[in-house]
Amino acid sequence: MYPDWAWLLILAVFVWLAILTLSVWQQNKFLKLLFPKSGVRDIRKKFGETVAGVVELKEDLNKLANKLSEVERSGYRHIQKMQLSRYNPYDDTGGNQSFTLALLDNGGSGIVVTSLHARSGTRVFAKDVIGGKMGKYQFSKEEEEMIKKAMT
């Protein structure tokens, strides 16, 4: 009675109707979510709520940016540059037991610690570093070298 291609056409129409039905169902679901029956169904009010949410989010973002810059500023004062060298300053001891350690912040200020190990004992020296330069006490060549390496 109907040609073979007619069944294909009817099937294609039903598939198309199913796709359209699914699309309309999803749009209705979204609109019910956007405008619940319990609330006022005014688009202007909904846009006002959305704008208020965006403004609040922008304020929170500004607060977060200010807090981040504060944390960054305080982070510059923490130890960020370190350099360690072990060596043997005396001929009568072995094993590179002596060391020099430079601990500096981002601006090159901090301390340099030197430990000199000899048969008679171990001596430890700590000297302040201000902006990569010596403070109150003069540096040894090993200490100057560690500070230069830490700064680079």
N, C-alpha and C. Protein backbone atom coordinates (compact mmCIF):
# COMPACT_ATOMS: atom_id res chain seq x y z
N MET A 1 0.81 -1.17 0.00
CA MET A 1 0.00 0.00 0.00
C MET A 1 0.87 1.26 0.00
N TYR A 2 1.81 1.40 1.00
CA TYR A 2 2.75 2.52 0.98
C TYR A 2 4.07 2.03 0.41
N PRO A 3 4.75 2.89 -0.29
CA PRO A 3 6.08 2.49 -0.77
C PRO A 3 7.07 2.40 0.42
N ASP A 4 8.21 1.74 0.21
CA ASP A 4 9.19 1.51 1.27
C ASP A 4 9.76 2.81 1.84
N TRP A 5 9.93 3.79 1.02
CA TRP A 5 10.51 5.04 1.49
C TRP A 5 9.55 5.81 2.38
N ALA A 6 8.25 5.56 2.29
CA ALA A 6 7.27 6.25 3.12
C ALA A 6 7.46 5.88 4.59
N TRP A 7 7.77 4.61 4.87
CA TRP A 7 8.01 4.18 6.26
C TRP A 7 9.24 4.89 6.84
N LEU A 8 10.22 5.07 6.00
CA LEU A 8 11.41 5.81 6.45
C LEU A 8 11.06 7.26 6.76
N LEU A 9 10.22 7.84 5.95
CA LEU A 9 9.79 9.22 6.18
C LEU A 9 9.00 9.34 7.49
N ILE A 10 8.11 8.40 7.74
CA ILE A 10 7.32 8.41 8.97
C ILE A 10 8.23 8.22 10.19
N LEU A 11 9.19 7.32 10.06
CA LEU A 11 10.15 7.09 11.15
C LEU A 11 10.98 8.35 11.41
N ALA A 12 11.43 9.03 10.36
CA ALA A 12 12.21 10.25 10.51
C ALA A 12 11.39 11.35 11.19
N VAL A 13 10.10 11.44 10.86
CA VAL A 13 9.22 12.43 11.48
C VAL A 13 9.08 12.13 12.97
N PHE A 14 8.91 10.85 13.35
CA PHE A 14 8.79 10.49 14.77
C PHE A 14 10.09 10.79 15.53
N VAL A 15 11.23 10.53 14.92
CA VAL A 15 12.51 10.84 15.57
C VAL A 15 12.65 12.35 15.75
N TRP A 16 12.26 13.09 14.72
CA TRP A 16 12.32 14.55 14.81
C TRP A 16 11.39 15.07 15.91
N LEU A 17 10.18 14.51 16.02
CA LEU A 17 9.25 14.90 17.08
C LEU A 17 9.81 14.55 18.46
N ALA A 18 10.48 13.42 18.58
CA ALA A 18 11.08 13.03 19.86
C ALA A 18 12.19 14.02 20.26
N ILE A 19 13.00 14.42 19.30
CA ILE A 19 14.06 15.40 19.58
C ILE A 19 13.47 16.73 20.00
N LEU A 20 12.44 17.19 19.30
CA LEU A 20 11.78 18.45 19.65
C LEU A 20 11.13 18.37 21.04
N THR A 21 10.50 17.24 21.33
CA THR A 21 9.86 17.05 22.63
C THR A 21 10.90 17.11 23.75
N LEU A 22 12.03 16.45 23.56
CA LEU A 22 13.10 16.47 24.56
C LEU A 22 13.64 17.88 24.75
N SER A 23 13.80 18.62 23.66
CA SER A 23 14.30 19.99 23.74
C SER A 23 13.33 20.88 24.51
N VAL A 24 12.04 20.78 24.22
CA VAL A 24 11.03 21.59 24.92
C VAL A 24 10.98 21.19 26.40
N TRP A 25 11.11 19.90 26.69
CA TRP A 25 11.09 19.44 28.08
C TRP A 25 12.28 20.03 28.86
N GLN A 26 13.45 20.06 28.25
CA GLN A 26 14.63 20.62 28.91
C GLN A 26 14.48 22.13 29.13
N GLN A 27 13.90 22.83 28.17
CA GLN A 27 13.68 24.26 28.34
C GLN A 27 12.68 24.54 29.44
N ASN A 28 11.61 23.75 29.52
CA ASN A 28 10.63 23.92 30.59
C ASN A 28 11.25 23.65 31.95
N LYS A 29 12.09 22.65 32.02
CA LYS A 29 12.79 22.32 33.27
C LYS A 29 13.67 23.49 33.70
N PHE A 30 14.39 24.08 32.75
CA PHE A 30 15.25 25.23 33.06
C PHE A 30 14.42 26.43 33.51
N LEU A 31 13.32 26.70 32.84
CA LEU A 31 12.48 27.83 33.21
C LEU A 31 11.84 27.63 34.58
N LYS A 32 11.46 26.40 34.92
CA LYS A 32 10.92 26.14 36.25
C LYS A 32 11.99 26.34 37.31
N LEU A 33 13.22 26.01 36.98
CA LEU A 33 14.32 26.23 37.92
C LEU A 33 14.59 27.73 38.06
N LEU A 34 14.52 28.46 36.96
CA LEU A 34 14.78 29.89 36.97
C LEU A 34 13.65 30.66 37.66
N PHE A 35 12.41 30.25 37.42
CA PHE A 35 11.25 30.92 37.98
C PHE A 35 10.37 29.90 38.72
N PRO A 36 10.68 29.62 39.98
CA PRO A 36 9.86 28.65 40.72
C PRO A 36 8.45 29.20 40.96
N LYS A 37 7.48 28.29 41.11
CA LYS A 37 6.09 28.71 41.29
C LYS A 37 5.88 29.43 42.61
N SER A 38 6.70 29.10 43.61
CA SER A 38 6.52 29.71 44.93
C SER A 38 6.94 31.18 44.93
N GLY A 39 7.87 31.58 44.06
CA GLY A 39 8.36 32.95 44.03
C GLY A 39 7.64 33.79 43.01
N VAL A 40 8.03 35.05 42.96
CA VAL A 40 7.47 35.97 41.98
C VAL A 40 8.11 35.67 40.63
N ARG A 41 7.33 35.60 39.59
CA ARG A 41 7.83 35.24 38.27
C ARG A 41 8.10 36.49 37.44
N ASP A 42 8.94 37.37 37.99
CA ASP A 42 9.26 38.62 37.30
C ASP A 42 10.71 38.55 36.85
N ILE A 43 10.93 38.71 35.55
CA ILE A 43 12.28 38.60 34.99
C ILE A 43 13.18 39.72 35.50
N ARG A 44 12.61 40.91 35.73
CA ARG A 44 13.41 42.03 36.23
C ARG A 44 13.95 41.73 37.63
N LYS A 45 13.12 41.11 38.46
CA LYS A 45 13.56 40.76 39.81
C LYS A 45 14.68 39.71 39.73
N LYS A 46 14.51 38.76 38.86
CA LYS A 46 15.53 37.71 38.72
C LYS A 46 16.85 38.30 38.22
N PHE A 47 16.79 39.22 37.26
CA PHE A 47 18.01 39.88 36.78
C PHE A 47 18.64 40.72 37.89
N GLY A 48 17.81 41.38 38.72
CA GLY A 48 18.33 42.15 39.84
C GLY A 48 19.07 41.25 40.83
N GLU A 49 18.52 40.07 41.11
CA GLU A 49 19.19 39.12 42.00
C GLU A 49 20.53 38.68 41.41
N THR A 50 20.54 38.45 40.10
CA THR A 50 21.77 38.03 39.44
C THR A 50 22.83 39.13 39.49
N VAL A 51 22.43 40.36 39.23
CA VAL A 51 23.37 41.49 39.28
C VAL A 51 23.90 41.67 40.70
N ALA A 52 23.03 41.54 41.70
CA ALA A 52 23.47 41.66 43.10
C ALA A 52 24.47 40.56 43.44
N GLY A 53 24.25 39.37 42.94
CA GLY A 53 25.20 38.28 43.16
C GLY A 53 26.55 38.55 42.51
N VAL A 54 26.52 39.12 41.32
CA VAL A 54 27.77 39.46 40.63
C VAL A 54 28.52 40.56 41.37
N VAL A 55 27.81 41.55 41.87
CA VAL A 55 28.44 42.64 42.63
C VAL A 55 29.07 42.10 43.91
N GLU A 56 28.36 41.22 44.60
CA GLU A 56 28.89 40.61 45.82
C GLU A 56 30.13 39.77 45.51
N LEU A 57 30.09 39.04 44.42
CA LEU A 57 31.24 38.24 44.01
C LEU A 57 32.44 39.13 43.67
N LYS A 58 32.18 40.27 43.05
CA LYS A 58 33.25 41.21 42.71
C LYS A 58 33.88 41.80 43.97
N GLU A 59 33.07 42.11 44.97
CA GLU A 59 33.59 42.62 46.23
C GLU A 59 34.46 41.56 46.92
N ASP A 60 33.99 40.32 46.91
CA ASP A 60 34.77 39.24 47.51
C ASP A 60 36.10 39.05 46.78
N LEU A 61 36.07 39.19 45.47
CA LEU A 61 37.29 39.06 44.68
C LEU A 61 38.28 40.17 45.00
N ASN A 62 37.79 41.40 45.20
CA ASN A 62 38.66 42.52 45.59
C ASN A 62 39.28 42.28 46.96
N LYS A 63 38.48 41.77 47.92
CA LYS A 63 39.00 41.46 49.24
C LYS A 63 40.09 40.39 49.15
N LEU A 64 39.85 39.40 48.32
CA LEU A 64 40.82 38.32 48.14
C LEU A 64 42.11 38.83 47.49
N ALA A 65 41.99 39.75 46.54
CA ALA A 65 43.17 40.32 45.90
C ALA A 65 43.98 41.15 46.90
N ASN A 66 43.30 41.90 47.75
CA ASN A 66 44.00 42.67 48.79
C ASN A 66 44.72 41.75 49.76
N LYS A 67 44.07 40.68 50.16
CA LYS A 67 44.69 39.73 51.09
C LYS A 67 45.89 39.06 50.43
N LEU A 68 45.79 38.74 49.17
CA LEU A 68 46.90 38.11 48.45
C LEU A 68 48.10 39.04 48.37
N SER A 69 47.87 40.32 48.09
CA SER A 69 48.99 41.27 48.02
C SER A 69 49.63 41.44 49.40
N GLU A 70 48.83 41.38 50.46
CA GLU A 70 49.37 41.46 51.82
C GLU A 70 50.25 40.24 52.12
N VAL A 71 49.80 39.07 51.72
CA VAL A 71 50.59 37.85 51.92
C VAL A 71 51.87 37.89 51.10
N GLU A 72 51.81 38.41 49.88
CA GLU A 72 53.01 38.53 49.05
C GLU A 72 54.03 39.48 49.70
N ARG A 73 53.54 40.61 50.22
CA ARG A 73 54.45 41.56 50.87
C ARG A 73 55.13 40.94 52.09
N SER A 74 54.38 40.22 52.89
CA SER A 74 54.98 39.59 54.06
C SER A 74 55.90 38.44 53.67
N GLY A 75 55.64 37.82 52.54
CA GLY A 75 56.49 36.71 52.08
C GLY A 75 57.87 37.15 51.67
N TYR A 76 58.04 38.40 51.30
CA TYR A 76 59.35 38.90 50.91
C TYR A 76 60.31 38.95 52.10
N ARG A 77 59.76 38.98 53.31
CA ARG A 77 60.61 39.05 54.50
C ARG A 77 61.03 37.67 55.00
N HIS A 78 60.54 36.61 54.41
CA HIS A 78 60.89 35.26 54.84
C HIS A 78 62.12 34.77 54.08
N ILE A 79 62.74 33.75 54.61
CA ILE A 79 63.94 33.20 53.96
C ILE A 79 63.55 32.63 52.60
N GLN A 80 64.18 33.15 51.56
CA GLN A 80 63.90 32.70 50.21
C GLN A 80 65.16 32.25 49.48
N LYS A 81 66.31 32.67 49.97
CA LYS A 81 67.57 32.36 49.29
C LYS A 81 68.49 31.68 50.30
N MET A 82 69.00 30.52 49.93
CA MET A 82 69.89 29.77 50.81
C MET A 82 71.07 29.26 50.01
N GLN A 83 72.20 29.20 50.66
CA GLN A 83 73.39 28.64 50.03
C GLN A 83 74.24 28.01 51.12
N LEU A 84 74.73 26.80 50.88
CA LEU A 84 75.54 26.08 51.84
C LEU A 84 76.81 25.58 51.16
N SER A 85 77.92 25.71 51.88
CA SER A 85 79.19 25.20 51.37
C SER A 85 79.93 24.52 52.52
N ARG A 86 80.41 23.31 52.25
CA ARG A 86 81.24 22.60 53.23
C ARG A 86 82.67 22.63 52.72
N TYR A 87 83.62 22.80 53.65
CA TYR A 87 85.02 22.91 53.25
C TYR A 87 85.92 22.55 54.42
N ASN A 88 87.20 22.50 54.14
CA ASN A 88 88.21 22.17 55.14
C ASN A 88 89.17 23.35 55.25
N PRO A 89 89.03 24.22 56.27
CA PRO A 89 89.88 25.41 56.35
C PRO A 89 91.27 25.13 56.92
N TYR A 90 91.43 24.00 57.59
CA TYR A 90 92.73 23.70 58.24
C TYR A 90 93.33 22.45 57.63
N ASP A 91 94.66 22.38 57.60
CA ASP A 91 95.35 21.23 57.02
C ASP A 91 95.35 20.02 57.95
N ASP A 92 95.21 20.22 59.25
CA ASP A 92 95.36 19.11 60.18
C ASP A 92 94.05 18.35 60.44
N THR A 93 92.92 18.76 59.81
CA THR A 93 91.66 18.03 59.95
C THR A 93 91.18 17.60 58.57
N GLY A 94 90.33 16.63 58.54
CA GLY A 94 89.82 16.16 57.24
C GLY A 94 88.30 16.04 57.27
N GLY A 95 87.74 15.73 56.15
CA GLY A 95 86.32 15.43 56.06
C GLY A 95 85.40 16.60 55.80
N ASN A 96 85.93 17.74 55.52
CA ASN A 96 85.09 18.91 55.23
C ASN A 96 84.00 19.10 56.29
N GLN A 97 84.42 19.18 57.55
CA GLN A 97 83.50 19.33 58.67
C GLN A 97 83.03 20.77 58.85
N SER A 98 83.74 21.73 58.32
CA SER A 98 83.36 23.14 58.45
C SER A 98 82.36 23.50 57.36
N PHE A 99 81.54 24.52 57.65
CA PHE A 99 80.56 24.95 56.64
C PHE A 99 80.26 26.42 56.80
N THR A 100 79.71 26.99 55.72
CA THR A 100 79.16 28.34 55.73
C THR A 100 77.77 28.27 55.13
N LEU A 101 76.79 28.83 55.82
CA LEU A 101 75.39 28.80 55.41
C LEU A 101 74.86 30.23 55.35
N ALA A 102 74.34 30.63 54.20
CA ALA A 102 73.73 31.95 54.03
C ALA A 102 72.22 31.76 53.94
N LEU A 103 71.47 32.48 54.78
CA LEU A 103 70.00 32.47 54.79
C LEU A 103 69.53 33.90 54.59
N LEU A 104 68.96 34.17 53.41
CA LEU A 104 68.60 35.55 53.05
C LEU A 104 67.14 35.64 52.62
N ASP A 105 66.56 36.82 52.81
CA ASP A 105 65.22 37.07 52.29
C ASP A 105 65.32 37.58 50.86
N ASN A 106 64.20 38.00 50.30
CA ASN A 106 64.19 38.44 48.90
C ASN A 106 65.04 39.68 48.66
N GLY A 107 65.19 40.53 49.67
CA GLY A 107 65.99 41.74 49.53
C GLY A 107 67.46 41.54 49.83
N GLY A 108 67.86 40.32 50.17
CA GLY A 108 69.26 40.05 50.46
C GLY A 108 69.65 40.28 51.89
N SER A 109 68.69 40.43 52.78
CA SER A 109 68.98 40.59 54.21
C SER A 109 68.74 39.28 54.92
N GLY A 110 69.53 39.04 55.97
CA GLY A 110 69.39 37.81 56.73
C GLY A 110 70.63 37.55 57.55
N ILE A 111 71.07 36.29 57.60
CA ILE A 111 72.26 35.93 58.37
C ILE A 111 73.13 34.99 57.56
N VAL A 112 74.40 34.96 57.96
CA VAL A 112 75.33 33.98 57.43
C VAL A 112 75.94 33.30 58.66
N VAL A 113 75.91 31.97 58.67
CA VAL A 113 76.40 31.18 59.79
C VAL A 113 77.61 30.40 59.31
N THR A 114 78.69 30.48 60.07
CA THR A 114 79.92 29.76 59.73
C THR A 114 80.32 28.89 60.92
N SER A 115 80.63 27.65 60.62
CA SER A 115 81.13 26.73 61.65
C SER A 115 82.51 26.26 61.21
N LEU A 116 83.52 26.51 62.04
CA LEU A 116 84.89 26.11 61.75
C LEU A 116 85.27 24.97 62.70
N HIS A 117 85.54 23.82 62.11
CA HIS A 117 85.86 22.63 62.90
C HIS A 117 87.37 22.41 62.87
N ALA A 118 87.97 22.29 64.07
CA ALA A 118 89.40 22.01 64.20
C ALA A 118 89.57 20.91 65.24
N ARG A 119 90.77 20.41 65.38
CA ARG A 119 91.03 19.36 66.38
C ARG A 119 90.75 19.87 67.80
N SER A 120 91.01 21.12 68.03
CA SER A 120 90.84 21.69 69.37
C SER A 120 89.38 21.99 69.69
N GLY A 121 88.49 22.01 68.70
CA GLY A 121 87.08 22.28 68.95
C GLY A 121 86.40 22.89 67.72
N THR A 122 85.15 23.18 67.89
CA THR A 122 84.36 23.76 66.81
C THR A 122 83.89 25.15 67.25
N ARG A 123 84.02 26.09 66.35
CA ARG A 123 83.57 27.46 66.63
C ARG A 123 82.47 27.81 65.62
N VAL A 124 81.45 28.48 66.12
CA VAL A 124 80.32 28.87 65.28
C VAL A 124 80.20 30.39 65.32
N PHE A 125 80.05 30.99 64.14
CA PHE A 125 79.92 32.43 64.01
C PHE A 125 78.64 32.74 63.24
N ALA A 126 77.89 33.74 63.70
CA ALA A 126 76.70 34.21 62.99
C ALA A 126 76.86 35.70 62.77
N LYS A 127 76.65 36.12 61.53
CA LYS A 127 76.80 37.53 61.19
C LYS A 127 75.56 37.98 60.42
N ASP A 128 75.16 39.22 60.65
CA ASP A 128 73.99 39.75 59.95
C ASP A 128 74.38 40.24 58.56
N VAL A 129 73.42 40.11 57.65
CA VAL A 129 73.58 40.57 56.27
C VAL A 129 72.46 41.55 56.01
N ILE A 130 72.80 42.71 55.48
CA ILE A 130 71.80 43.74 55.21
C ILE A 130 71.91 44.12 53.73
N GLY A 131 70.91 43.73 52.96
CA GLY A 131 70.89 44.05 51.54
C GLY A 131 72.06 43.46 50.77
N GLY A 132 72.52 42.29 51.18
CA GLY A 132 73.63 41.64 50.50
C GLY A 132 75.00 42.16 50.92
N LYS A 133 75.03 43.08 51.85
CA LYS A 133 76.29 43.68 52.32
C LYS A 133 76.51 43.31 53.78
N MET A 134 77.75 43.47 54.24
CA MET A 134 78.05 43.16 55.62
C MET A 134 77.42 44.19 56.55
N GLY A 135 77.05 43.69 57.72
CA GLY A 135 76.48 44.57 58.73
C GLY A 135 77.58 45.06 59.66
N LYS A 136 77.54 44.61 60.88
CA LYS A 136 78.47 45.07 61.91
C LYS A 136 79.83 44.39 61.80
N TYR A 137 79.86 43.15 61.32
CA TYR A 137 81.10 42.36 61.31
C TYR A 137 81.55 42.10 59.87
N GLN A 138 82.85 42.01 59.69
CA GLN A 138 83.42 41.78 58.36
C GLN A 138 83.28 40.31 57.98
N PHE A 139 83.03 40.06 56.68
CA PHE A 139 82.86 38.70 56.19
C PHE A 139 84.19 38.08 55.80
N SER A 140 84.25 36.75 55.94
CA SER A 140 85.39 36.02 55.39
C SER A 140 85.14 35.82 53.90
N LYS A 141 86.15 35.32 53.18
CA LYS A 141 85.96 35.12 51.73
C LYS A 141 84.92 34.06 51.46
N GLU A 142 84.83 33.01 52.32
CA GLU A 142 83.81 31.97 52.13
C GLU A 142 82.40 32.54 52.34
N GLU A 143 82.26 33.40 53.35
CA GLU A 143 80.97 34.01 53.63
C GLU A 143 80.54 34.93 52.49
N GLU A 144 81.46 35.73 51.98
CA GLU A 144 81.14 36.60 50.84
C GLU A 144 80.72 35.78 49.63
N GLU A 145 81.41 34.69 49.40
CA GLU A 145 81.10 33.82 48.26
C GLU A 145 79.69 33.22 48.40
N MET A 146 79.34 32.75 49.61
CA MET A 146 78.01 32.16 49.82
C MET A 146 76.92 33.21 49.66
N ILE A 147 77.17 34.42 50.10
CA ILE A 147 76.16 35.48 49.95
C ILE A 147 75.97 35.81 48.47
N LYS A 148 77.06 35.90 47.73
CA LYS A 148 76.95 36.19 46.28
C LYS A 148 76.20 35.08 45.56
N LYS A 149 76.50 33.81 45.93
CA LYS A 149 75.80 32.68 45.29
C LYS A 149 74.33 32.67 45.66
N ALA A 150 74.03 32.99 46.91
CA ALA A 150 72.62 33.01 47.33
C ALA A 150 71.84 34.12 46.65
N MET A 151 72.48 35.23 46.37
CA MET A 151 71.80 36.37 45.74
C MET A 151 71.49 36.11 44.26
N THR A 152 72.24 35.22 43.62
CA THR A 152 71.99 34.99 42.19
C THR A 152 70.99 33.92 41.96
